Amino acid sequence: MSRMLRFFIFPVVALFLAGCADEHVAAGKKTFSRYCSPCHGTGGAGDGYNAVNLDPGPRDLTDSKEVYMSKLSNDEIYTVIHDGGIGVDLSPLMPVWGNVFSEEEIWSLVAYIRTLHPYEGKPVVFAEVKEGDNAKVKESERPKVPQISENEFNSGMSQVTLDTLDGRIAEGEEFFSDLGCIACHRIEGKGGTLGPDLTRAGFMLQPQFIYRWIRNPQGFIPKTRMPNLGLTEEEAISVTLYLSTLGRAATAPPLVVAPEPVLEAEGVSGEATGLETTTEPGTEPATEPAEKVS
């Protein structure tokens, strides 16, 4: 390649990559504003309106008080967003976003977050061709989750019995705590204010709706701030049972109904006893020897 051609091509490529970076930073800022700023704040200082309800509080992404973010690699920031705090042994109050955002959206968030603190490391590169670890093809489509049917809910509930109900409710409460749901939802005056108050969830909501919402909130409202937690059917049933107990009216139908006993009809065992039941019109039932079959 001649010096003249290199002199022309390289600046054009650099401008193109810079333009792509600016575009992704802008996209990341937009996503951050909707989904992250309620806790991290509009400027990333950890001072969003929901931050006061969180313990521990959200990370200050500006490094204004502690140098932390600039020490992380781009991949580490990506993993925290994708897997949530629970996925990297940090606070579960940081939600899991890997089931909601596309790979490109998460990398755009990383690119924007890098503008919030001093950083001199490798930039996030959005490339069409793989050129090492820092230039990956970014998947632009969001994860697709199928619509959750009421039949799936009914099937899951059919596995719950009166003997296992209390244990499943306790399990659901544990999931609710471990997944950091209290960061956004308030119960009895404790918790976040980003999502609905669930103090009376059992009174206000039908169990089948709770289940289907938990399993795929984006199936109802694509731009909801509620993350898809990736719960299994069994886990979602347990959380549903727990939430259905909150504020539930005493007159509400039971969550699980005991199966009706199966009664054997008289005479079913006649072959063993040699007796069968016969009833003449206007007479009481009487028993007589069954005919022998030769």
Protein backbone atom coordinates (compact mmCIF):
# COMPACT_ATOMS: atom_id res chain seq x y z
CA MET A 1 0.00 0.00 0.00
CA SER A 2 1.46 3.36 -1.00
CA ARG A 3 2.10 6.11 1.54
CA MET A 4 -0.50 8.30 -0.18
CA LEU A 5 -3.18 5.57 0.07
CA ARG A 6 -2.37 4.88 3.72
CA PHE A 7 -2.51 8.58 4.44
CA PHE A 8 -6.06 8.67 3.05
CA ILE A 9 -7.48 5.35 4.35
CA PHE A 10 -6.30 5.32 7.98
CA PRO A 11 -7.91 8.65 8.97
CA VAL A 12 -11.17 7.57 7.32
CA VAL A 13 -11.19 4.29 9.25
CA ALA A 14 -10.37 6.11 12.48
CA LEU A 15 -13.20 8.55 11.94
CA PHE A 16 -15.56 5.69 11.13
CA LEU A 17 -14.66 3.80 14.32
CA ALA A 18 -14.91 6.99 16.36
CA GLY A 19 -18.35 7.65 14.90
CA CYS A 20 -19.45 4.10 15.79
CA ALA A 21 -18.10 4.56 19.31
CA ASP A 22 -19.97 7.85 19.74
CA GLU A 23 -23.14 6.21 18.46
CA HIS A 24 -22.85 3.36 20.95
CA VAL A 25 -21.99 5.67 23.81
CA ALA A 26 -25.14 7.65 23.04
CA ALA A 27 -27.18 4.43 22.94
CA GLY A 28 -25.61 3.33 26.22
CA LYS A 29 -26.46 6.65 27.84
CA LYS A 30 -30.10 6.27 26.79
CA THR A 31 -30.29 2.75 28.24
CA PHE A 32 -28.51 3.90 31.40
CA SER A 33 -30.93 6.77 31.86
CA ARG A 34 -33.96 4.49 31.84
CA TYR A 35 -32.74 1.37 33.60
CA CYS A 36 -29.73 2.35 35.72
CA SER A 37 -30.13 5.97 36.81
CA PRO A 38 -32.91 5.34 39.39
CA CYS A 39 -30.23 3.74 41.57
CA HIS A 40 -26.88 4.91 40.18
CA GLY A 41 -28.03 8.48 39.50
CA THR A 42 -28.14 10.43 36.25
CA GLY A 43 -24.42 11.15 36.48
CA GLY A 44 -23.47 7.74 37.86
CA ALA A 45 -22.54 8.97 41.35
CA GLY A 46 -24.73 6.40 43.11
CA ASP A 47 -27.26 9.02 44.14
CA GLY A 48 -30.41 7.99 42.25
CA TYR A 49 -33.82 8.47 43.86
CA ASN A 50 -34.00 4.78 44.79
CA ALA A 51 -30.47 4.69 46.26
CA VAL A 52 -31.66 5.70 49.72
CA ASN A 53 -33.61 2.43 49.96
CA LEU A 54 -30.62 0.19 49.23
CA ASP A 55 -28.18 -1.34 51.68
CA PRO A 56 -25.48 -1.60 50.48
CA GLY A 57 -25.94 1.43 48.30
CA PRO A 58 -25.31 1.43 44.54
CA ARG A 59 -21.77 1.74 43.26
CA ASP A 60 -20.45 5.25 42.52
CA LEU A 61 -19.42 4.85 38.89
CA THR A 62 -17.51 8.14 38.77
CA ASP A 63 -14.59 7.10 41.03
CA SER A 64 -14.98 10.50 42.72
CA LYS A 65 -14.50 9.09 46.21
CA GLU A 66 -12.77 5.77 45.55
CA VAL A 67 -10.78 4.52 42.58
CA TYR A 68 -12.63 1.36 41.70
CA MET A 69 -14.19 1.40 38.24
CA SER A 70 -11.01 2.32 36.40
CA LYS A 71 -9.36 -0.80 37.82
CA LEU A 72 -11.96 -3.06 36.23
CA SER A 73 -11.58 -4.42 32.73
CA ASN A 74 -14.28 -3.92 30.15
CA ASP A 75 -15.11 -7.62 30.34
CA GLU A 76 -15.54 -7.41 34.12
CA ILE A 77 -18.02 -4.54 33.82
CA TYR A 78 -19.87 -6.44 31.10
CA THR A 79 -20.13 -9.52 33.32
CA VAL A 80 -21.52 -7.57 36.26
CA ILE A 81 -24.25 -6.08 34.06
CA HIS A 82 -24.99 -9.39 32.34
CA ASP A 83 -24.98 -11.67 35.41
CA GLY A 84 -25.97 -9.15 38.07
CA GLY A 85 -24.43 -8.85 41.49
CA ILE A 86 -25.53 -12.34 42.43
CA GLY A 87 -23.57 -13.76 39.51
CA VAL A 88 -20.24 -12.28 40.63
CA ASP A 89 -20.60 -12.66 44.41
CA LEU A 90 -21.54 -9.02 44.91
CA SER A 91 -24.77 -7.49 46.18
CA PRO A 92 -27.88 -9.11 44.68
CA LEU A 93 -29.44 -5.65 44.67
CA MET A 94 -27.65 -5.16 41.34
CA PRO A 95 -30.10 -6.77 38.86
CA VAL A 96 -29.43 -9.42 36.24
CA TRP A 97 -29.73 -7.88 32.76
CA GLY A 98 -28.38 -10.67 30.58
CA ASN A 99 -31.87 -12.03 29.91
CA VAL A 100 -33.14 -8.63 28.77
CA PHE A 101 -30.44 -6.67 26.91
CA SER A 102 -28.64 -7.71 23.77
CA GLU A 103 -24.88 -8.13 23.79
CA GLU A 104 -24.56 -4.88 21.85
CA GLU A 105 -26.73 -3.02 24.37
CA ILE A 106 -24.62 -4.21 27.29
CA TRP A 107 -21.37 -3.26 25.54
CA SER A 108 -22.90 0.13 24.77
CA LEU A 109 -23.58 0.50 28.49
CA VAL A 110 -19.95 -0.38 29.21
CA ALA A 111 -18.82 2.22 26.67
CA TYR A 112 -20.98 4.89 28.28
CA ILE A 113 -19.97 3.98 31.83
CA ARG A 114 -16.34 4.45 30.78
CA THR A 115 -17.14 8.13 30.16
CA LEU A 116 -18.22 8.60 33.79
CA HIS A 117 -14.77 8.10 35.36
CA PRO A 118 -11.13 8.72 34.43
CA TYR A 119 -10.01 5.84 32.25
CA GLU A 120 -6.97 5.33 30.03
CA GLY A 121 -7.33 1.63 29.25
CA LYS A 122 -8.58 -0.17 26.17
CA PRO A 123 -11.77 1.27 24.69
CA VAL A 124 -14.77 -0.85 23.83
CA VAL A 125 -14.45 -1.66 20.14
CA PHE A 126 -17.53 -2.41 18.09
CA ALA A 127 -16.19 -4.35 15.14
CA GLU A 128 -17.72 -6.36 12.32
CA VAL A 129 -14.75 -8.75 12.32
CA LYS A 130 -13.15 -10.42 15.32
CA GLU A 131 -9.70 -8.99 15.98
CA GLY A 132 -8.77 -10.20 19.42
CA ASP A 133 -10.54 -10.10 22.77
CA ASN A 134 -11.34 -6.40 22.64
CA ALA A 135 -12.95 -6.38 19.17
CA LYS A 136 -15.84 -8.79 19.26
CA VAL A 137 -18.86 -9.13 17.05
CA LYS A 138 -21.70 -7.74 19.13
CA GLU A 139 -25.06 -9.51 18.90
CA SER A 140 -27.71 -6.83 18.41
CA GLU A 141 -30.87 -8.89 19.02
CA ARG A 142 -32.29 -9.19 22.49
CA PRO A 143 -32.76 -12.65 24.01
CA LYS A 144 -36.07 -14.13 22.94
CA VAL A 145 -38.26 -15.60 25.67
CA PRO A 146 -41.45 -17.39 24.64
CA GLN A 147 -44.80 -16.28 25.97
CA ILE A 148 -45.71 -18.07 29.17
CA SER A 149 -49.00 -19.93 28.95
CA GLU A 150 -51.55 -20.43 31.69
CA ASN A 151 -51.16 -24.16 31.07
CA GLU A 152 -47.56 -23.92 32.26
CA PHE A 153 -48.76 -22.26 35.45
CA ASN A 154 -51.45 -24.88 35.99
CA SER A 155 -48.92 -27.66 35.43
CA GLY A 156 -46.55 -26.17 38.00
CA MET A 157 -49.29 -25.66 40.55
CA SER A 158 -50.44 -29.25 40.14
CA GLN A 159 -47.13 -30.33 41.66
CA VAL A 160 -47.84 -28.42 44.88
CA THR A 161 -49.66 -30.33 47.62
CA LEU A 162 -50.91 -29.38 51.05
CA ASP A 163 -47.90 -31.21 52.50
CA THR A 164 -45.41 -29.19 50.44
CA LEU A 165 -47.20 -25.82 50.36
CA ASP A 166 -45.56 -24.25 53.43
CA GLY A 167 -42.12 -25.34 52.28
CA ARG A 168 -42.66 -23.89 48.81
CA ILE A 169 -43.85 -20.57 50.28
CA ALA A 170 -40.72 -20.40 52.46
CA GLU A 171 -38.59 -21.25 49.44
CA GLY A 172 -40.25 -18.46 47.47
CA GLU A 173 -39.53 -15.95 50.23
CA GLU A 174 -35.90 -17.04 50.20
CA PHE A 175 -35.67 -16.59 46.43
CA PHE A 176 -37.25 -13.13 46.77
CA SER A 177 -34.54 -12.17 49.25
CA ASP A 178 -31.58 -13.81 47.50
CA LEU A 179 -32.43 -12.28 44.12
CA GLY A 180 -32.54 -8.77 45.56
CA CYS A 181 -36.19 -8.12 44.66
CA ILE A 182 -36.47 -5.87 47.69
CA ALA A 183 -34.22 -3.37 45.88
CA CYS A 184 -37.17 -2.30 43.74
CA HIS A 185 -40.23 -3.58 45.61
CA ARG A 186 -41.48 -2.55 49.03
CA ILE A 187 -43.13 -4.86 51.56
CA GLU A 188 -44.53 -3.51 54.83
CA GLY A 189 -42.64 -0.24 54.42
CA LYS A 190 -39.24 -1.80 53.66
CA GLY A 191 -37.59 -1.88 50.25
CA GLY A 192 -37.27 0.15 47.08
CA THR A 193 -39.77 2.37 45.34
CA LEU A 194 -38.87 1.68 41.71
CA GLY A 195 -41.39 -1.14 41.34
CA PRO A 196 -44.90 -1.65 42.74
CA ASP A 197 -45.45 -2.04 46.47
CA LEU A 198 -46.10 -5.76 47.02
CA THR A 199 -47.48 -5.54 50.54
CA ARG A 200 -50.93 -6.59 49.27
CA ALA A 201 -49.84 -8.57 46.22
CA GLY A 202 -51.90 -11.57 47.30
CA PHE A 203 -55.02 -9.43 47.44
CA MET A 204 -54.44 -7.36 44.30
CA LEU A 205 -53.06 -9.92 41.86
CA GLN A 206 -54.09 -13.32 40.57
CA PRO A 207 -51.44 -16.05 41.10
CA GLN A 208 -51.38 -16.97 37.41
CA PHE A 209 -50.61 -13.35 36.49
CA ILE A 210 -47.82 -13.14 39.09
CA TYR A 211 -46.27 -16.31 37.70
CA ARG A 212 -46.43 -15.27 34.06
CA TRP A 213 -45.08 -11.79 34.88
CA ILE A 214 -42.14 -13.19 36.86
CA ARG A 215 -41.24 -15.63 34.11
CA ASN A 216 -41.35 -13.10 31.27
CA PRO A 217 -42.11 -9.47 32.22
CA GLN A 218 -41.02 -8.22 28.77
CA GLY A 219 -43.76 -10.40 27.28
CA PHE A 220 -46.26 -7.97 28.85
CA ILE A 221 -44.35 -4.67 28.64
CA PRO A 222 -41.23 -4.80 26.42
CA LYS A 223 -39.62 -1.71 28.02
CA THR A 224 -40.45 -2.52 31.63
CA ARG A 225 -37.64 -1.95 34.13
CA MET A 226 -38.40 -5.33 35.69
CA PRO A 227 -35.53 -7.67 34.72
CA ASN A 228 -36.10 -11.22 33.57
CA LEU A 229 -34.47 -13.18 36.38
CA GLY A 230 -34.26 -16.42 34.44
CA LEU A 231 -36.19 -18.39 37.04
CA THR A 232 -37.12 -22.00 36.35
CA GLU A 233 -40.78 -23.01 36.37
CA GLU A 234 -40.41 -24.51 39.84
CA GLU A 235 -38.64 -21.43 41.25
CA ALA A 236 -41.25 -19.10 39.75
CA ILE A 237 -44.08 -21.15 41.28
CA SER A 238 -42.44 -20.86 44.71
CA VAL A 239 -42.06 -17.08 44.39
CA THR A 240 -45.65 -16.85 43.18
CA LEU A 241 -46.90 -18.78 46.20
CA TYR A 242 -44.96 -16.49 48.55
CA LEU A 243 -46.23 -13.28 46.94
CA SER A 244 -49.77 -14.67 46.91
CA THR A 245 -49.72 -14.87 50.71
CA LEU A 246 -49.02 -11.13 51.09
CA GLY A 247 -52.15 -9.29 52.16
CA ARG A 248 -54.30 -12.20 51.06
CA ALA A 249 -57.89 -11.94 52.27
CA ALA A 250 -59.09 -14.56 54.72
CA THR A 251 -62.05 -15.23 52.45
CA ALA A 252 -59.89 -15.80 49.36
CA PRO A 253 -59.94 -19.31 47.89
CA PRO A 254 -57.08 -21.54 49.08
CA LEU A 255 -53.95 -21.62 46.97
CA VAL A 256 -53.94 -25.41 47.04
CA VAL A 257 -57.04 -27.56 47.38
CA ALA A 258 -56.84 -31.01 48.89
CA PRO A 259 -57.83 -33.69 46.36
CA GLU A 260 -61.20 -35.25 46.98
CA PRO A 261 -60.93 -38.79 48.35
CA VAL A 262 -61.60 -41.53 45.87
CA LEU A 263 -64.44 -43.68 47.25
CA GLU A 264 -64.72 -47.29 46.22
CA ALA A 265 -68.19 -48.29 45.11
CA GLU A 266 -69.90 -50.97 47.16
CA GLY A 267 -69.48 -54.38 45.68
CA VAL A 268 -66.18 -53.61 43.96
CA SER A 269 -64.57 -56.23 46.13
CA GLY A 270 -67.46 -58.65 45.67
CA GLU A 271 -65.30 -61.16 43.87
CA ALA A 272 -63.09 -61.43 46.92
CA THR A 273 -65.94 -61.65 49.43
CA GLY A 274 -68.43 -63.53 47.34
CA LEU A 275 -70.99 -60.74 47.96
CA GLU A 276 -72.60 -58.26 45.62
CA THR A 277 -75.09 -55.46 46.24
CA THR A 278 -78.55 -55.54 44.76
CA THR A 279 -81.33 -53.03 45.24
CA GLU A 280 -84.98 -53.69 44.47
CA PRO A 281 -87.24 -50.71 43.88
CA GLY A 282 -88.72 -49.57 47.17
CA THR A 283 -86.52 -51.85 49.26
CA GLU A 284 -83.28 -51.38 51.23
CA PRO A 285 -80.07 -52.62 49.69
CA ALA A 286 -79.46 -56.26 50.44
CA THR A 287 -76.60 -58.60 49.83
CA GLU A 288 -76.72 -62.04 48.35
CA PRO A 289 -74.16 -64.56 47.24
CA ALA A 290 -72.66 -63.83 43.83
CA GLU A 291 -73.13 -66.39 41.13
CA LYS A 292 -70.26 -68.71 40.68
CA VAL A 293 -68.71 -68.76 37.27
CA SER A 294 -67.92 -72.30 36.14
